[in-house]
Amino acid sequence: MAIQRILIVDDSATERYFLSDILTRSGYTVSVAVNGEEALLKLKEEKPELILMDVVMPGANGFQVTRSIARDPELKDVPIIICSSKSQETDRIWALRQGAKDYLVKPVDPAELLAKIAALG
């Protein structure tokens, strides 16, 4: 099943706009959340087929939110791609251990993002 609905979780309005623009131009339906708590609410309400998750946010960080989604029987099948300014290999490994399917370093390359989404779909 091809991915259509994507939830972007990022506290930066600029980053949310940038990612939303790339995705909507490519035909995806996009919703946004500004933090982990809002992401969990939208995830249950809107049932997106993919989550793009920032790491550094107020409240629960992206690693914590990813871990709670991965451990929830109802939500664990929703793939998560971490999009973070944290560029260390240890951050990527930690993200994958928390349950993320992939990891992109900001600024995200649009072609790379779309290729990773297509690979999941």
Protein backbone atom coordinates (compact mmCIF):
# COMPACT_ATOMS: atom_id res chain seq x y z
CA MET A 1 0.00 0.00 0.00
CA ALA A 2 1.45 3.34 -1.06
CA ILE A 3 1.87 6.02 1.60
CA GLN A 4 -0.55 8.96 1.20
CA ARG A 5 -1.01 10.60 4.63
CA ILE A 6 2.07 11.97 6.39
CA LEU A 7 2.35 13.63 9.80
CA ILE A 8 5.20 16.13 10.25
CA VAL A 9 6.29 16.65 13.86
CA ASP A 10 8.57 19.67 14.29
CA ASP A 11 8.60 22.70 16.59
CA SER A 12 10.05 24.90 13.81
CA ALA A 13 7.41 26.61 11.66
CA THR A 14 10.01 27.06 8.90
CA GLU A 15 10.83 23.34 8.89
CA ARG A 16 7.14 22.35 8.92
CA TYR A 17 6.50 24.64 5.94
CA PHE A 18 9.57 23.37 4.03
CA LEU A 19 8.64 19.68 4.49
CA SER A 20 4.91 20.30 3.88
CA ASP A 21 5.69 22.10 0.63
CA ILE A 22 7.88 19.25 -0.68
CA LEU A 23 5.28 16.63 0.24
CA THR A 24 2.11 18.40 -0.94
CA ARG A 25 3.78 19.19 -4.30
CA SER A 26 4.42 15.46 -4.60
CA GLY A 27 0.77 14.60 -3.97
CA TYR A 28 0.86 13.63 -0.29
CA THR A 29 -1.73 14.66 2.28
CA VAL A 30 0.11 16.38 5.12
CA SER A 31 -0.77 17.25 8.70
CA VAL A 32 1.53 18.85 11.26
CA ALA A 33 2.18 18.74 14.98
CA VAL A 34 4.41 21.16 16.91
CA ASN A 35 5.46 18.71 19.65
CA GLY A 36 5.35 15.09 20.73
CA GLU A 37 2.15 15.39 22.74
CA GLU A 38 0.24 16.87 19.79
CA ALA A 39 1.79 14.21 17.53
CA LEU A 40 0.38 11.39 19.67
CA LEU A 41 -3.11 12.96 19.58
CA LYS A 42 -3.02 13.47 15.81
CA LEU A 43 -1.65 9.98 15.28
CA LYS A 44 -4.68 8.45 16.98
CA GLU A 45 -7.17 10.82 15.31
CA GLU A 46 -5.83 10.98 11.76
CA LYS A 47 -4.06 7.62 11.36
CA PRO A 48 -1.19 8.86 9.14
CA GLU A 49 0.77 6.25 7.20
CA LEU A 50 4.16 7.86 7.92
CA ILE A 51 5.64 10.24 10.51
CA LEU A 52 8.51 12.66 9.92
CA MET A 53 9.86 13.32 13.43
CA ASP A 54 12.17 16.07 14.67
CA VAL A 55 14.38 15.24 17.66
CA VAL A 56 14.94 18.50 19.52
CA MET A 57 11.54 19.81 20.67
CA PRO A 58 10.08 21.19 23.90
CA GLY A 59 8.55 18.53 26.15
CA ALA A 60 9.18 14.97 25.00
CA ASN A 61 11.95 14.80 22.40
CA GLY A 62 11.63 12.92 19.13
CA PHE A 63 13.50 9.88 20.44
CA GLN A 64 11.07 9.57 23.37
CA VAL A 65 7.99 10.00 21.17
CA THR A 66 9.35 7.49 18.64
CA ARG A 67 9.93 4.97 21.42
CA SER A 68 6.40 5.41 22.82
CA ILE A 69 4.88 4.96 19.33
CA ALA A 70 7.02 1.87 18.65
CA ARG A 71 5.87 0.31 21.94
CA ASP A 72 2.15 1.02 21.40
CA PRO A 73 0.41 -2.03 19.86
CA GLU A 74 -2.05 0.22 17.98
CA LEU A 75 0.59 2.58 16.59
CA LYS A 76 3.75 0.51 16.17
CA ASP A 77 3.13 -0.23 12.48
CA VAL A 78 3.34 3.46 11.49
CA PRO A 79 6.86 4.02 10.11
CA ILE A 80 8.87 6.97 11.44
CA ILE A 81 11.65 8.83 9.67
CA ILE A 82 13.66 11.04 12.00
CA CYS A 83 14.57 14.41 10.45
CA SER A 84 17.11 16.05 12.73
CA SER A 85 19.92 18.58 12.79
CA LYS A 86 21.80 16.06 14.95
CA SER A 87 24.31 14.64 12.50
CA GLN A 88 26.32 12.20 14.63
CA GLU A 89 26.28 8.51 13.69
CA THR A 90 25.38 7.73 17.33
CA ASP A 91 22.19 9.80 16.93
CA ARG A 92 21.21 7.80 13.84
CA ILE A 93 21.88 4.49 15.60
CA TRP A 94 19.94 5.62 18.69
CA ALA A 95 16.98 6.70 16.52
CA LEU A 96 16.85 3.30 14.83
CA ARG A 97 17.03 1.58 18.22
CA GLN A 98 14.03 3.61 19.39
CA GLY A 99 11.99 2.28 16.47
CA ALA A 100 12.61 4.74 13.62
CA LYS A 101 12.80 3.22 10.13
CA ASP A 102 15.22 5.82 8.77
CA TYR A 103 17.15 8.97 9.62
CA LEU A 104 17.72 12.17 7.63
CA VAL A 105 19.94 15.08 8.62
CA LYS A 106 18.61 18.63 8.17
CA PRO A 107 18.54 20.44 5.90
CA VAL A 108 16.67 17.55 4.32
CA ASP A 109 17.37 16.92 0.65
CA PRO A 110 13.94 16.77 -1.09
CA ALA A 111 14.95 14.02 -3.54
CA GLU A 112 16.41 11.88 -0.73
CA LEU A 113 13.28 12.37 1.40
CA LEU A 114 10.95 11.37 -1.44
CA ALA A 115 13.11 8.33 -2.26
CA LYS A 116 13.02 7.15 1.37
CA ILE A 117 9.22 7.57 1.51
CA ALA A 118 8.85 5.64 -1.76
CA ALA A 119 11.05 2.86 -0.38
CA LEU A 120 8.75 2.50 2.66
CA GLY A 121 5.57 2.53 0.57
